Protein backbone atom coordinates (compact mmCIF):
# COMPACT_ATOMS: atom_id res chain seq x y z
CA MET A 1 -13.29 9.37 17.89
CA LYS A 2 -11.63 12.19 19.75
CA PRO A 3 -7.97 12.75 18.82
CA THR A 4 -5.32 13.37 21.43
CA SER A 5 -3.11 16.44 21.12
CA ALA A 6 0.55 16.44 22.02
CA MET A 7 3.84 17.96 20.99
CA GLY A 8 4.71 17.10 17.41
CA ILE A 9 7.22 14.34 16.76
CA GLN A 10 10.28 15.38 14.77
CA PRO A 11 11.94 13.32 11.99
CA GLU A 12 14.95 12.41 14.14
CA GLU A 13 12.54 10.98 16.75
CA VAL A 14 11.00 8.50 14.30
CA LEU A 15 12.33 5.02 13.51
CA PHE A 16 11.27 3.05 10.43
CA ILE A 17 11.41 -0.72 10.95
CA ILE A 18 11.48 -2.37 7.54
CA ASN A 19 10.52 -5.98 6.83
CA PRO A 20 12.31 -6.73 3.53
CA ASN A 21 10.30 -9.93 3.07
CA SER A 22 7.09 -7.93 2.58
CA GLY A 23 6.23 -5.93 -0.49
CA LYS A 24 7.89 -8.23 -3.05
CA GLY A 25 11.34 -6.91 -2.29
CA ARG A 26 10.50 -3.19 -2.51
CA ALA A 27 12.46 -2.31 0.64
CA THR A 28 15.02 -0.35 -1.38
CA GLN A 29 12.27 1.90 -2.74
CA ILE A 30 11.00 2.89 0.68
CA ILE A 31 14.56 3.56 1.89
CA HIS A 32 15.03 5.96 -1.02
CA GLN A 33 11.74 7.68 -0.13
CA ILE A 34 12.79 8.07 3.50
CA GLN A 35 16.19 9.52 2.60
CA ALA A 36 14.71 11.83 -0.03
CA HIS A 37 12.21 13.22 2.47
CA ASP A 38 14.62 13.81 5.36
CA ASP A 39 18.04 12.24 5.88
CA THR A 40 17.74 12.59 9.67
CA ILE A 41 15.12 9.81 9.77
CA ASP A 42 16.52 6.52 11.07
CA PHE A 43 15.60 3.15 9.61
CA ILE A 44 16.50 -0.46 10.32
CA VAL A 45 16.01 -3.44 8.00
CA THR A 46 15.01 -6.57 9.94
CA PRO A 47 15.48 -9.74 7.85
CA ASP A 48 13.59 -11.99 10.25
CA GLN A 49 11.45 -12.03 13.40
CA GLN A 50 14.42 -12.48 15.71
CA ALA A 51 16.09 -9.37 14.30
CA ALA A 52 12.89 -7.38 14.73
CA GLU A 53 12.51 -8.53 18.34
CA GLU A 54 16.10 -7.44 19.04
CA VAL A 55 15.32 -3.98 17.66
CA PHE A 56 12.32 -3.64 19.96
CA SER A 57 14.16 -4.89 23.03
CA ASN A 58 17.02 -2.43 22.48
CA LEU A 59 15.06 0.57 21.23
CA ASP A 60 16.68 3.91 21.94
CA LYS A 61 14.58 6.08 24.25
CA LYS A 62 14.96 9.05 21.91
CA TYR A 63 12.35 7.55 19.57
CA LYS A 64 8.78 8.73 20.02
CA GLY A 65 7.37 7.34 16.79
CA LEU A 66 7.66 3.90 15.21
CA VAL A 67 6.82 3.20 11.58
CA VAL A 68 6.24 -0.41 10.62
CA VAL A 69 7.07 -1.09 6.97
CA GLY A 70 5.36 -4.41 6.30
CA GLY A 71 2.05 -6.22 6.40
CA ASP A 72 -0.46 -7.07 9.11
CA GLY A 73 1.84 -9.75 10.53
CA THR A 74 4.69 -7.28 11.00
CA ILE A 75 2.29 -4.81 12.61
CA ASN A 76 1.05 -7.56 14.92
CA MET A 77 4.62 -8.15 16.10
CA ALA A 78 5.02 -4.46 16.91
CA ILE A 79 1.74 -4.24 18.84
CA GLY A 80 3.12 -6.29 21.71
CA TYR A 81 5.90 -3.76 22.19
CA LEU A 82 3.63 -0.75 21.77
CA ALA A 83 1.23 -2.18 24.35
CA GLU A 84 4.06 -2.04 26.89
CA HIS A 85 5.24 1.42 25.74
CA THR A 86 2.02 3.36 25.23
CA GLU A 87 3.88 6.68 24.99
CA LEU A 88 5.04 5.68 21.47
CA VAL A 89 3.04 6.53 18.34
CA LEU A 90 2.58 4.04 15.52
CA GLY A 91 2.72 4.74 11.80
CA VAL A 92 2.52 2.23 8.94
CA VAL A 93 3.86 1.91 5.42
CA PRO A 94 1.79 -0.96 3.98
CA PHE A 95 3.98 -3.57 2.31
CA GLY A 96 2.03 -6.78 2.92
CA SER A 97 -0.22 -9.03 0.86
CA GLY A 98 -3.52 -7.74 2.24
CA ASN A 99 -2.75 -4.70 4.41
CA GLY A 100 -6.11 -4.83 6.19
CA PHE A 101 -5.06 -2.65 9.12
CA ALA A 102 -3.35 -0.06 6.93
CA ARG A 103 -6.26 0.16 4.49
CA THR A 104 -8.75 0.67 7.31
CA LEU A 105 -6.69 3.35 9.04
CA GLY A 106 -5.76 5.24 5.87
CA PHE A 107 -2.03 4.48 5.64
CA ASP A 108 -1.04 4.54 1.98
CA GLY A 109 2.77 4.50 1.79
CA ASP A 110 3.14 8.27 1.34
CA VAL A 111 6.16 9.04 3.54
CA LYS A 112 5.63 12.82 3.45
CA ARG A 113 1.98 12.52 4.49
CA LEU A 114 2.97 10.16 7.28
CA MET A 115 5.73 12.43 8.59
CA ASP A 116 3.37 15.42 8.43
CA GLY A 117 1.05 13.39 10.66
CA PHE A 118 3.82 12.86 13.22
CA ALA A 119 4.72 16.56 13.12
CA SER A 120 1.10 17.61 13.70
CA GLY A 121 1.07 16.19 17.22
CA VAL A 122 -2.52 14.99 16.75
CA PHE A 123 -2.85 11.25 17.33
CA GLU A 124 -5.59 8.64 17.78
CA LYS A 125 -6.00 5.97 20.46
CA LEU A 126 -7.02 2.49 19.30
CA ASP A 127 -8.35 -0.59 21.03
CA VAL A 128 -6.22 -3.73 21.12
CA LEU A 129 -7.55 -7.27 21.49
CA GLU A 130 -5.87 -9.99 23.51
CA ILE A 131 -6.47 -13.57 22.33
CA ASN A 132 -5.02 -16.39 24.43
CA GLY A 133 -2.51 -13.98 25.91
CA GLU A 134 -1.31 -12.51 22.60
CA TYR A 135 -2.22 -9.11 21.18
CA ALA A 136 -4.16 -8.53 17.96
CA VAL A 137 -5.28 -5.29 16.36
CA ASN A 138 -6.98 -6.19 13.08
CA VAL A 139 -9.03 -9.34 12.28
CA SER A 140 -8.36 -12.76 13.80
CA GLY A 141 -10.38 -15.97 13.98
CA ILE A 142 -10.98 -19.66 13.47
CA GLY A 143 -12.44 -21.56 10.56
CA ILE A 144 -11.96 -21.18 6.84
CA ASP A 145 -10.05 -17.89 7.16
CA SER A 146 -7.59 -19.58 9.51
CA TYR A 147 -7.27 -22.46 7.05
CA VAL A 148 -6.36 -19.94 4.35
CA ALA A 149 -3.78 -18.26 6.64
CA HIS A 150 -2.07 -21.59 7.35
CA GLN A 151 -2.07 -22.54 3.65
CA PHE A 152 -0.75 -19.12 2.65
CA GLN A 153 2.13 -19.45 5.12
CA LYS A 154 3.30 -22.59 3.29
CA SER A 155 3.44 -20.81 -0.06
CA LYS A 156 6.77 -19.65 -1.43
CA ARG A 157 5.14 -16.76 -3.28
CA ARG A 158 3.20 -13.93 -1.68
CA GLY A 159 0.64 -11.49 -3.06
CA PHE A 160 -3.05 -11.42 -3.92
CA VAL A 161 -2.92 -14.21 -6.54
CA THR A 162 -1.35 -16.65 -4.06
CA TYR A 163 -3.90 -15.62 -1.43
CA LEU A 164 -6.72 -16.17 -3.93
CA PHE A 165 -5.38 -19.63 -4.79
CA SER A 166 -5.22 -20.52 -1.07
CA THR A 167 -8.83 -19.33 -0.68
CA VAL A 168 -10.08 -21.48 -3.57
CA LYS A 169 -8.28 -24.46 -2.09
CA ALA A 170 -9.90 -23.79 1.29
CA ILE A 171 -13.38 -23.60 -0.26
CA ILE A 172 -12.88 -27.09 -1.67
CA GLN A 173 -11.17 -28.74 1.30
CA PHE A 174 -12.35 -27.03 4.50
CA ARG A 175 -14.93 -28.71 6.73
CA ASP A 176 -17.31 -26.90 9.11
CA PHE A 177 -16.78 -27.17 12.87
CA GLU A 178 -18.78 -27.16 16.11
CA ALA A 179 -18.24 -24.37 18.63
CA LYS A 180 -19.76 -22.82 21.73
CA ILE A 181 -19.47 -19.05 22.22
CA SER A 182 -19.81 -17.85 25.82
CA THR A 183 -20.18 -14.13 26.54
CA THR A 184 -21.28 -12.03 29.50
CA GLU A 185 -24.76 -11.96 27.94
CA GLY A 186 -25.13 -15.72 27.53
CA ALA A 187 -24.02 -18.51 25.23
CA GLU A 188 -24.82 -19.97 21.85
CA GLU A 189 -23.48 -22.96 20.01
CA GLY A 190 -23.74 -24.70 16.68
CA LYS A 191 -21.88 -25.51 13.50
CA TYR A 192 -19.84 -22.78 11.84
CA ARG A 193 -17.73 -22.17 8.77
CA MET A 194 -15.92 -19.29 10.38
CA ILE A 195 -15.85 -17.19 13.52
CA ALA A 196 -14.03 -13.93 12.89
CA ILE A 197 -12.90 -11.65 15.71
CA ALA A 198 -12.84 -8.17 14.22
CA ASN A 199 -11.31 -5.04 15.70
CA THR A 200 -11.28 -3.37 12.28
CA LYS A 201 -13.36 -3.78 9.14
CA GLN A 202 -11.37 -6.01 6.82
CA PHE A 203 -9.04 -8.96 6.36
CA GLY A 204 -7.18 -7.06 3.65
CA ASN A 205 -7.49 -6.36 -0.08
CA ASN A 206 -10.80 -4.64 0.79
CA ALA A 207 -12.41 -7.93 1.88
CA ILE A 208 -14.74 -6.30 4.44
CA ILE A 209 -15.84 -8.87 7.00
CA ALA A 210 -17.17 -6.44 9.65
CA PRO A 211 -18.49 -3.27 7.96
CA ASP A 212 -19.41 -1.57 11.25
CA ALA A 213 -16.24 -2.38 13.18
CA ASN A 214 -14.55 0.62 14.76
CA PRO A 215 -11.12 0.15 16.37
CA SER A 216 -11.61 2.96 18.87
CA ASP A 217 -15.15 2.43 20.19
CA GLY A 218 -14.31 -0.02 22.98
CA LEU A 219 -16.03 -2.88 21.13
CA TYR A 220 -15.06 -5.79 18.92
CA ASP A 221 -17.26 -7.76 16.54
CA LEU A 222 -17.76 -11.51 16.57
CA VAL A 223 -18.75 -12.56 13.07
CA LEU A 224 -20.49 -15.94 13.21
CA VAL A 225 -20.68 -17.53 9.77
CA ARG A 226 -22.98 -20.53 9.52
CA PRO A 227 -22.54 -23.24 6.87
CA PHE A 228 -24.04 -22.32 3.50
CA PRO A 229 -24.43 -24.17 0.18
CA PHE A 230 -21.44 -24.32 -2.14
CA TRP A 231 -23.34 -22.48 -4.86
CA GLN A 232 -23.73 -19.48 -2.51
CA TYR A 233 -19.97 -18.76 -2.47
CA PRO A 234 -20.00 -16.28 -5.40
CA LYS A 235 -22.83 -14.30 -3.77
CA VAL A 236 -21.12 -14.31 -0.36
CA LEU A 237 -17.77 -13.24 -1.86
CA ILE A 238 -19.39 -10.40 -3.79
CA LYS A 239 -21.02 -9.17 -0.57
CA LEU A 240 -17.67 -9.52 1.23
CA PHE A 241 -15.88 -7.19 -1.18
CA LYS A 242 -18.81 -4.77 -1.29
CA GLY A 243 -19.05 -4.59 2.50
CA LYS A 244 -22.62 -5.93 2.44
CA LEU A 245 -22.31 -9.10 4.53
CA THR A 246 -24.60 -7.74 7.25
CA SER A 247 -27.53 -8.57 4.95
CA SER A 248 -26.62 -12.27 4.68
CA LYS A 249 -28.91 -14.73 6.46
CA TYR A 250 -25.93 -17.00 7.11
CA ILE A 251 -24.03 -14.43 9.18
CA LYS A 252 -24.65 -13.08 12.66
CA TYR A 253 -22.81 -10.16 14.27
CA LEU A 254 -22.24 -9.74 17.99
CA SER A 255 -20.71 -6.52 19.37
CA MET A 256 -18.72 -7.28 22.49
CA ASP A 257 -17.11 -5.06 25.12
CA ASP A 258 -15.97 -7.76 27.53
CA GLU A 259 -14.42 -11.23 27.63
CA THR A 260 -15.55 -13.99 25.27
CA LYS A 261 -14.68 -17.68 25.35
CA ILE A 262 -14.93 -19.95 22.33
CA LYS A 263 -14.90 -23.66 23.03
CA TRP A 264 -14.13 -25.94 20.08
CA ALA A 265 -12.21 -29.10 19.22
CA GLY A 266 -9.72 -27.49 16.83
CA GLU A 267 -6.35 -25.89 17.47
CA LYS A 268 -5.50 -23.80 14.38
CA TYR A 269 -6.45 -20.13 14.36
CA HIS A 270 -4.89 -16.85 13.25
CA LEU A 271 -4.02 -13.50 14.78
CA ASP A 272 -4.13 -10.66 12.25
CA GLY A 273 -3.48 -13.24 9.53
CA GLU A 274 -0.56 -14.89 11.34
CA PRO A 275 -1.10 -18.68 11.75
CA LYS A 276 -1.29 -19.95 15.33
CA SER A 277 -1.89 -23.39 16.77
CA THR A 278 -2.98 -23.98 20.36
CA PRO A 279 -5.42 -26.66 21.53
CA GLY A 280 -8.24 -25.61 23.83
CA ASP A 281 -10.55 -22.65 24.22
CA LEU A 282 -9.97 -19.22 22.75
CA VAL A 283 -10.22 -16.44 25.34
CA ILE A 284 -10.75 -12.94 23.92
CA LYS A 285 -10.28 -9.72 25.88
CA ILE A 286 -10.23 -6.07 24.88
CA HIS A 287 -7.89 -3.29 26.01
CA LYS A 288 -9.72 -0.07 25.25
CA ARG A 289 -7.92 2.90 23.65
CA PHE A 290 -4.64 1.17 24.35
CA ILE A 291 -2.17 2.33 21.68
CA ARG A 292 -1.62 5.57 19.78
CA ILE A 293 -1.35 6.00 16.02
CA VAL A 294 -0.72 8.85 13.61
CA ARG A 295 -3.94 10.53 12.64
CA LEU A 296 -4.58 10.60 8.89
CA GLY A 297 -7.51 12.24 7.10
CA ILE A 298 -9.49 9.02 6.57
CA LEU A 299 -10.11 8.77 10.31
CA LYS A 300 -12.21 11.91 10.36
CA THR A 301 -14.95 10.33 8.26
CA GLU A 302 -14.64 6.55 8.40
CA ILE A 303 -14.03 5.82 12.08
């Protein structure tokens, strides 16, 4: 991936948007880090989605960099704004339950490292997916992963343990579904446990669903997971966390660079882990090299 060079972005040109509901209430810690690094950096705490949307709609034109402090869902909310303002550069402080996007792109919560990235003026362009008219940048889909996302949303507690509990519940309760996938190269249909739509490698917590996914290559991966016996779950989960699912006979990968339609009878799906519910087909499009992000060292070797 070839980085883009530009003038460096200064601290006073960066805005941190903090979701206090992520990160188990650690918002105060990140504020202290920001102020300790440079007191000219602006930050805003957004207690809910409406407050965040108001920040985006009234963003001062002086800002050239936006830092999302939150999880994949908070990032997803920002993508819609960034897609309409492609001159802005995105940074992330991971504060979510899974942090799939941040883990893949090398964001680790180090404010100094992040601000050094803004100052360098060297940024990366990433692809963005559009699913039923809404943007997504990480991993989305239908099936058991969507079931988990909807269950997780109902939970009062966040974090990996709650996510694990929701996953175990899904393994017991979820039923496979019929679907037809239509692409520019043809169509296939059958019964599935999950169809993941991957722009990056992982759901989060290093659960790597698409080991070869690259968010800047103009492609996205469809991960078609066929039904498998209950006793195979431990083996599949081990492969998931080791990034070895490509060797599973129950899973097929399709690399797509154009529109895909998925016809099925369900209505619940997820975008970057955020539960959605819309009856009818899923229509997937890709916007190639659409947004800019801070370049961190991990990008040089892993993407």
